[in-house]
């Protein structure tokens, strides 16, 4: 039996231009992956602060103290250092606010990854209405990095400031008014009784003389 003839050799024709293009694409992919890894590593080692500025009171009232709370959260993987918070919204001449307690501009030495810190400021304004509060400016450094980072807090918008007289009418205890009302009620009830007993006593004295 005669064996079958061997198959013809396969000839692969490689285009030099296609080969060069594939090599360049491969190199670009490798470089892109390296850049992405380096960027991810850089971000993973940085501190990242999220800062919120909120009105604590459920109802803000003119001519009554209300509290502003600054909350700082470090969502990065590095310690944040030399944190400076500056809020000039309450200290400007035309702001309309008076600071009762606390400082709207303050410093935090450091904040570990995953940690948070809060700071309260008590303010007062005599004018009712709606207020748009400005954002606080925040600067800080990541541990081991000399580049200063900049962030801004949230901005409470359209904060209603209720008139004091309306708030007092609904929510105040009205203790003085209740004391006056009770005193008047007792007087109105006691006077007729006193007059009645005085009259009975006089009547008994007249009968005793007879």
C-alpha atoms as a PDB file:
ATOM      1  CA  UNK A   1       0.000   0.000   0.000  1.00  0.00           C
ATOM      2  CA  UNK A   2       1.423   3.329  -1.048  1.00  0.00           C
ATOM      3  CA  UNK A   3       1.289   6.013   1.714  1.00  0.00           C
ATOM      4  CA  UNK A   4      -0.521   9.260   0.884  1.00  0.00           C
ATOM      5  CA  UNK A   5       1.617  12.151  -0.138  1.00  0.00           C
ATOM      6  CA  UNK A   6       2.448  14.670   2.600  1.00  0.00           C
ATOM      7  CA  UNK A   7       0.329  17.858   2.723  1.00  0.00           C
ATOM      8  CA  UNK A   8       1.779  20.859   1.030  1.00  0.00           C
ATOM      9  CA  UNK A   9       3.639  23.240   3.332  1.00  0.00           C
ATOM     10  CA  UNK A  10       1.670  26.197   4.688  1.00  0.00           C
ATOM     11  CA  UNK A  11       3.285  29.425   3.764  1.00  0.00           C
ATOM     12  CA  UNK A  12       2.474  32.326   6.127  1.00  0.00           C
ATOM     13  CA  UNK A  13       3.058  35.698   4.601  1.00  0.00           C
ATOM     14  CA  UNK A  14       3.707  38.331   7.261  1.00  0.00           C
ATOM     15  CA  UNK A  15       3.217  41.926   6.284  1.00  0.00           C
ATOM     16  CA  UNK A  16       5.937  44.065   7.811  1.00  0.00           C
ATOM     17  CA  UNK A  17       3.582  47.042   8.219  1.00  0.00           C
ATOM     18  CA  UNK A  18       0.925  44.935  10.025  1.00  0.00           C
ATOM     19  CA  UNK A  19       3.574  43.458  12.313  1.00  0.00           C
ATOM     20  CA  UNK A  20       4.886  46.907  13.191  1.00  0.00           C
ATOM     21  CA  UNK A  21       1.345  48.138  13.899  1.00  0.00           C
ATOM     22  CA  UNK A  22       0.643  45.215  16.229  1.00  0.00           C
ATOM     23  CA  UNK A  23       3.884  45.841  18.096  1.00  0.00           C
ATOM     24  CA  UNK A  24       3.047  49.535  18.522  1.00  0.00           C
ATOM     25  CA  UNK A  25      -0.461  48.725  19.774  1.00  0.00           C
ATOM     26  CA  UNK A  26       0.977  46.257  22.275  1.00  0.00           C
ATOM     27  CA  UNK A  27       3.467  48.823  23.543  1.00  0.00           C
ATOM     28  CA  UNK A  28       0.725  51.452  23.910  1.00  0.00           C
ATOM     29  CA  UNK A  29      -1.449  49.029  25.875  1.00  0.00           C
ATOM     30  CA  UNK A  30       1.420  48.246  28.217  1.00  0.00           C
ATOM     31  CA  UNK A  31       2.197  51.939  28.717  1.00  0.00           C
ATOM     32  CA  UNK A  32      -1.466  52.758  29.325  1.00  0.00           C
ATOM     33  CA  UNK A  33      -1.757  49.998  31.918  1.00  0.00           C
ATOM     34  CA  UNK A  34       1.375  51.270  33.651  1.00  0.00           C
ATOM     35  CA  UNK A  35       0.012  54.822  33.733  1.00  0.00           C
ATOM     36  CA  UNK A  36      -3.316  53.612  35.159  1.00  0.00           C
ATOM     37  CA  UNK A  37      -1.547  51.591  37.841  1.00  0.00           C
ATOM     38  CA  UNK A  38       0.653  54.542  38.772  1.00  0.00           C
ATOM     39  CA  UNK A  39      -2.330  56.900  38.897  1.00  0.00           C
ATOM     40  CA  UNK A  40      -4.318  54.461  41.038  1.00  0.00           C
ATOM     41  CA  UNK A  41      -1.400  54.038  43.412  1.00  0.00           C
ATOM     42  CA  UNK A  42      -0.940  57.793  43.646  1.00  0.00           C
ATOM     43  CA  UNK A  43      -4.602  58.379  44.468  1.00  0.00           C
ATOM     44  CA  UNK A  44      -4.649  55.463  46.924  1.00  0.00           C
ATOM     45  CA  UNK A  45      -1.843  57.051  48.905  1.00  0.00           C
ATOM     46  CA  UNK A  46      -3.425  60.499  49.135  1.00  0.00           C
ATOM     47  CA  UNK A  47      -5.687  62.055  51.715  1.00  0.00           C
ATOM     48  CA  UNK A  48      -9.050  63.141  50.391  1.00  0.00           C
ATOM     49  CA  UNK A  49     -11.276  65.368  52.522  1.00  0.00           C
ATOM     50  CA  UNK A  50     -15.019  65.760  52.196  1.00  0.00           C
ATOM     51  CA  UNK A  51     -16.336  68.752  54.143  1.00  0.00           C
ATOM     52  CA  UNK A  52     -19.987  69.500  54.888  1.00  0.00           C
ATOM     53  CA  UNK A  53     -21.432  72.682  56.354  1.00  0.00           C
ATOM     54  CA  UNK A  54     -24.912  72.278  57.844  1.00  0.00           C
ATOM     55  CA  UNK A  55     -27.465  74.090  59.975  1.00  0.00           C
ATOM     56  CA  UNK A  56     -28.054  71.892  63.037  1.00  0.00           C
ATOM     57  CA  UNK A  57     -31.332  73.460  64.178  1.00  0.00           C
ATOM     58  CA  UNK A  58     -34.509  72.037  62.713  1.00  0.00           C
ATOM     59  CA  UNK A  59     -35.935  75.567  62.726  1.00  0.00           C
ATOM     60  CA  UNK A  60     -33.675  78.622  62.486  1.00  0.00           C
ATOM     61  CA  UNK A  61     -35.207  81.699  64.099  1.00  0.00           C
ATOM     62  CA  UNK A  62     -34.245  85.354  63.839  1.00  0.00           C
ATOM     63  CA  UNK A  63     -32.975  86.886  67.094  1.00  0.00           C
ATOM     64  CA  UNK A  64     -32.275  83.380  68.435  1.00  0.00           C
ATOM     65  CA  UNK A  65     -29.008  81.471  68.416  1.00  0.00           C
ATOM     66  CA  UNK A  66     -28.599  78.661  65.892  1.00  0.00           C
ATOM     67  CA  UNK A  67     -25.718  76.276  65.286  1.00  0.00           C
ATOM     68  CA  UNK A  68     -23.590  75.738  62.185  1.00  0.00           C
ATOM     69  CA  UNK A  69     -21.721  72.419  62.079  1.00  0.00           C
ATOM     70  CA  UNK A  70     -18.610  71.728  59.995  1.00  0.00           C
ATOM     71  CA  UNK A  71     -17.959  67.994  59.441  1.00  0.00           C
ATOM     72  CA  UNK A  72     -14.673  66.774  57.939  1.00  0.00           C
ATOM     73  CA  UNK A  73     -14.265  63.223  56.598  1.00  0.00           C
ATOM     74  CA  UNK A  74     -10.999  61.739  55.331  1.00  0.00           C
ATOM     75  CA  UNK A  75     -12.016  59.220  52.653  1.00  0.00           C
ATOM     76  CA  UNK A  76      -8.458  58.747  51.362  1.00  0.00           C
ATOM     77  CA  UNK A  77      -5.782  56.233  52.331  1.00  0.00           C
ATOM     78  CA  UNK A  78      -3.312  58.729  53.754  1.00  0.00           C
ATOM     79  CA  UNK A  79      -3.320  60.996  56.779  1.00  0.00           C
ATOM     80  CA  UNK A  80      -4.377  64.597  56.181  1.00  0.00           C
ATOM     81  CA  UNK A  81      -2.221  67.197  57.920  1.00  0.00           C
ATOM     82  CA  UNK A  82      -2.230  70.945  58.548  1.00  0.00           C
ATOM     83  CA  UNK A  83      -5.921  71.274  57.755  1.00  0.00           C
ATOM     84  CA  UNK A  84      -7.116  74.883  57.639  1.00  0.00           C
ATOM     85  CA  UNK A  85     -10.798  75.796  57.352  1.00  0.00           C
ATOM     86  CA  UNK A  86     -11.630  79.397  56.478  1.00  0.00           C
ATOM     87  CA  UNK A  87     -15.207  80.670  56.407  1.00  0.00           C
ATOM     88  CA  UNK A  88     -15.603  84.420  55.955  1.00  0.00           C
ATOM     89  CA  UNK A  89     -19.349  84.284  55.390  1.00  0.00           C
ATOM     90  CA  UNK A  90     -20.120  85.177  59.018  1.00  0.00           C
ATOM     91  CA  UNK A  91     -17.355  87.728  59.600  1.00  0.00           C
ATOM     92  CA  UNK A  92     -17.925  90.166  56.736  1.00  0.00           C
ATOM     93  CA  UNK A  93     -19.392  93.552  57.651  1.00  0.00           C
ATOM     94  CA  UNK A  94     -22.480  93.056  55.475  1.00  0.00           C
ATOM     95  CA  UNK A  95     -23.096  89.435  56.451  1.00  0.00           C
ATOM     96  CA  UNK A  96     -25.869  90.310  58.906  1.00  0.00           C
ATOM     97  CA  UNK A  97     -24.666  87.625  61.346  1.00  0.00           C
ATOM     98  CA  UNK A  98     -23.241  87.905  64.837  1.00  0.00           C
ATOM     99  CA  UNK A  99     -20.962  85.146  66.121  1.00  0.00           C
ATOM    100  CA  UNK A 100     -22.091  84.062  69.595  1.00  0.00           C
ATOM    101  CA  UNK A 101     -19.660  81.186  70.171  1.00  0.00           C
ATOM    102  CA  UNK A 102     -16.939  79.307  68.322  1.00  0.00           C
ATOM    103  CA  UNK A 103     -14.726  80.287  65.409  1.00  0.00           C
ATOM    104  CA  UNK A 104     -15.794  79.929  61.758  1.00  0.00           C
ATOM    105  CA  UNK A 105     -12.117  79.709  60.756  1.00  0.00           C
ATOM    106  CA  UNK A 106     -10.104  77.041  62.551  1.00  0.00           C
ATOM    107  CA  UNK A 107      -7.317  74.473  62.138  1.00  0.00           C
ATOM    108  CA  UNK A 108      -7.057  70.701  62.582  1.00  0.00           C
ATOM    109  CA  UNK A 109      -3.580  69.275  63.049  1.00  0.00           C
ATOM    110  CA  UNK A 110      -4.249  65.904  61.408  1.00  0.00           C
ATOM    111  CA  UNK A 111      -7.003  63.506  60.408  1.00  0.00           C
ATOM    112  CA  UNK A 112      -6.339  59.789  59.971  1.00  0.00           C
ATOM    113  CA  UNK A 113      -7.757  57.783  57.040  1.00  0.00           C
ATOM    114  CA  UNK A 114     -11.400  56.919  57.678  1.00  0.00           C
ATOM    115  CA  UNK A 115     -11.647  59.381  60.574  1.00  0.00           C
ATOM    116  CA  UNK A 116     -13.914  62.393  60.927  1.00  0.00           C
ATOM    117  CA  UNK A 117     -14.144  65.482  63.101  1.00  0.00           C
ATOM    118  CA  UNK A 118     -16.848  68.107  63.711  1.00  0.00           C
ATOM    119  CA  UNK A 119     -16.720  71.744  64.755  1.00  0.00           C
ATOM    120  CA  UNK A 120     -19.671  73.911  65.823  1.00  0.00           C
ATOM    121  CA  UNK A 121     -20.208  77.655  65.567  1.00  0.00           C
ATOM    122  CA  UNK A 122     -23.158  79.488  67.155  1.00  0.00           C
ATOM    123  CA  UNK A 123     -24.444  82.531  65.276  1.00  0.00           C
ATOM    124  CA  UNK A 124     -27.390  84.917  65.406  1.00  0.00           C
ATOM    125  CA  UNK A 125     -29.128  87.234  62.948  1.00  0.00           C
ATOM    126  CA  UNK A 126     -31.924  89.726  63.623  1.00  0.00           C
ATOM    127  CA  UNK A 127     -33.483  89.582  60.172  1.00  0.00           C
ATOM    128  CA  UNK A 128     -35.934  86.828  59.115  1.00  0.00           C
ATOM    129  CA  UNK A 129     -35.974  85.587  55.542  1.00  0.00           C
ATOM    130  CA  UNK A 130     -34.060  83.116  53.359  1.00  0.00           C
ATOM    131  CA  UNK A 131     -30.274  82.881  53.515  1.00  0.00           C
ATOM    132  CA  UNK A 132     -27.732  81.365  51.128  1.00  0.00           C
ATOM    133  CA  UNK A 133     -24.686  80.431  53.197  1.00  0.00           C
ATOM    134  CA  UNK A 134     -21.275  80.492  51.555  1.00  0.00           C
ATOM    135  CA  UNK A 135     -18.855  77.566  51.325  1.00  0.00           C
ATOM    136  CA  UNK A 136     -15.864  77.247  53.622  1.00  0.00           C
ATOM    137  CA  UNK A 137     -12.410  77.043  52.026  1.00  0.00           C
ATOM    138  CA  UNK A 138     -10.297  74.048  53.089  1.00  0.00           C
ATOM    139  CA  UNK A 139      -6.570  73.518  52.525  1.00  0.00           C
ATOM    140  CA  UNK A 140      -4.552  70.498  53.648  1.00  0.00           C
ATOM    141  CA  UNK A 141      -1.572  68.257  52.894  1.00  0.00           C
ATOM    142  CA  UNK A 142      -1.258  64.509  52.493  1.00  0.00           C
ATOM    143  CA  UNK A 143       1.285  62.810  54.738  1.00  0.00           C
ATOM    144  CA  UNK A 144       4.638  62.737  52.979  1.00  0.00           C
ATOM    145  CA  UNK A 145       3.482  65.100  50.233  1.00  0.00           C
ATOM    146  CA  UNK A 146       4.380  68.800  50.129  1.00  0.00           C
ATOM    147  CA  UNK A 147       1.683  69.677  47.598  1.00  0.00           C
ATOM    148  CA  UNK A 148      -1.124  71.711  49.173  1.00  0.00           C
ATOM    149  CA  UNK A 149      -4.616  70.521  48.313  1.00  0.00           C
ATOM    150  CA  UNK A 150      -7.713  72.719  48.082  1.00  0.00           C
ATOM    151  CA  UNK A 151     -11.332  71.787  48.785  1.00  0.00           C
ATOM    152  CA  UNK A 152     -14.612  73.531  49.567  1.00  0.00           C
ATOM    153  CA  UNK A 153     -17.422  72.630  51.920  1.00  0.00           C
ATOM    154  CA  UNK A 154     -21.049  72.249  50.959  1.00  0.00           C
ATOM    155  CA  UNK A 155     -23.208  75.403  50.819  1.00  0.00           C
ATOM    156  CA  UNK A 156     -26.595  75.389  52.602  1.00  0.00           C
ATOM    157  CA  UNK A 157     -28.981  77.158  50.243  1.00  0.00           C
ATOM    158  CA  UNK A 158     -32.317  78.866  50.926  1.00  0.00           C
ATOM    159  CA  UNK A 159     -32.097  78.412  54.689  1.00  0.00           C
ATOM    160  CA  UNK A 160     -35.394  79.749  56.118  1.00  0.00           C
ATOM    161  CA  UNK A 161     -35.073  82.129  59.069  1.00  0.00           C
ATOM    162  CA  UNK A 162     -38.439  82.313  60.819  1.00  0.00           C
ATOM    163  CA  UNK A 163     -39.602  85.511  62.556  1.00  0.00           C
ATOM    164  CA  UNK A 164     -39.144  85.328  66.302  1.00  0.00           C
ATOM    165  CA  UNK A 165     -42.715  86.394  67.066  1.00  0.00           C
ATOM    166  CA  UNK A 166     -44.183  83.566  64.947  1.00  0.00           C
ATOM    167  CA  UNK A 167     -41.899  80.982  66.525  1.00  0.00           C
ATOM    168  CA  UNK A 168     -42.688  82.218  70.044  1.00  0.00           C
ATOM    169  CA  UNK A 169     -46.413  82.072  69.407  1.00  0.00           C
ATOM    170  CA  UNK A 170     -46.231  78.392  68.439  1.00  0.00           C
ATOM    171  CA  UNK A 171     -43.339  76.860  70.369  1.00  0.00           C
ATOM    172  CA  UNK A 172     -42.633  78.922  73.493  1.00  0.00           C
ATOM    173  CA  UNK A 173     -43.931  77.675  76.843  1.00  0.00           C
ATOM    174  CA  UNK A 174     -45.664  81.024  77.592  1.00  0.00           C
ATOM    175  CA  UNK A 175     -44.946  80.537  81.311  1.00  0.00           C
ATOM    176  CA  UNK A 176     -45.441  84.202  82.231  1.00  0.00           C
ATOM    177  CA  UNK A 177     -48.739  84.335  80.360  1.00  0.00           C
ATOM    178  CA  UNK A 178     -49.942  81.200  82.167  1.00  0.00           C
ATOM    179  CA  UNK A 179     -48.947  82.633  85.578  1.00  0.00           C
ATOM    180  CA  UNK A 180     -50.867  85.843  84.852  1.00  0.00           C
ATOM    181  CA  UNK A 181     -53.863  83.849  83.643  1.00  0.00           C
ATOM    182  CA  UNK A 182     -53.900  81.647  86.751  1.00  0.00           C
ATOM    183  CA  UNK A 183     -53.511  84.636  89.065  1.00  0.00           C
ATOM    184  CA  UNK A 184     -56.415  86.395  87.357  1.00  0.00           C
ATOM    185  CA  UNK A 185     -58.533  83.236  87.485  1.00  0.00           C
ATOM    186  CA  UNK A 186     -57.863  82.725  91.197  1.00  0.00           C
ATOM    187  CA  UNK A 187     -58.708  86.358  91.894  1.00  0.00           C
ATOM    188  CA  UNK A 188     -61.974  86.157  89.949  1.00  0.00           C
ATOM    189  CA  UNK A 189     -63.001  83.002  91.813  1.00  0.00           C
ATOM    190  CA  UNK A 190     -61.800  84.082  95.271  1.00  0.00           C
ATOM    191  CA  UNK A 191     -63.425  87.533  95.362  1.00  0.00           C
ATOM    192  CA  UNK A 192     -67.032  86.290  95.132  1.00  0.00           C
ATOM    193  CA  UNK A 193     -66.360  83.679  97.836  1.00  0.00           C
ATOM    194  CA  UNK A 194     -64.812  86.307 100.107  1.00  0.00           C
ATOM    195  CA  UNK A 195     -67.749  88.636  99.568  1.00  0.00           C
ATOM    196  CA  UNK A 196     -70.172  85.803 100.303  1.00  0.00           C
ATOM    197  CA  UNK A 197     -68.450  84.774 103.558  1.00  0.00           C
ATOM    198  CA  UNK A 198     -68.150  88.437 104.679  1.00  0.00           C
ATOM    199  CA  UNK A 199     -71.855  88.879 104.072  1.00  0.00           C
ATOM    200  CA  UNK A 200     -72.714  85.691 106.012  1.00  0.00           C
ATOM    201  CA  UNK A 201     -70.522  86.775 108.924  1.00  0.00           C
ATOM    202  CA  UNK A 202     -72.152  90.191 109.112  1.00  0.00           C
ATOM    203  CA  UNK A 203     -75.579  88.576 108.984  1.00  0.00           C
ATOM    204  CA  UNK A 204     -74.697  86.286 111.874  1.00  0.00           C
ATOM    205  CA  UNK A 205     -73.430  89.215 113.947  1.00  0.00           C
ATOM    206  CA  UNK A 206     -76.710  91.091 113.392  1.00  0.00           C
ATOM    207  CA  UNK A 207     -78.729  88.043 114.411  1.00  0.00           C
ATOM    208  CA  UNK A 208     -76.579  87.581 117.537  1.00  0.00           C
ATOM    209  CA  UNK A 209     -77.295  91.166 118.674  1.00  0.00           C
ATOM    210  CA  UNK A 210     -81.030  90.548 118.457  1.00  0.00           C
END
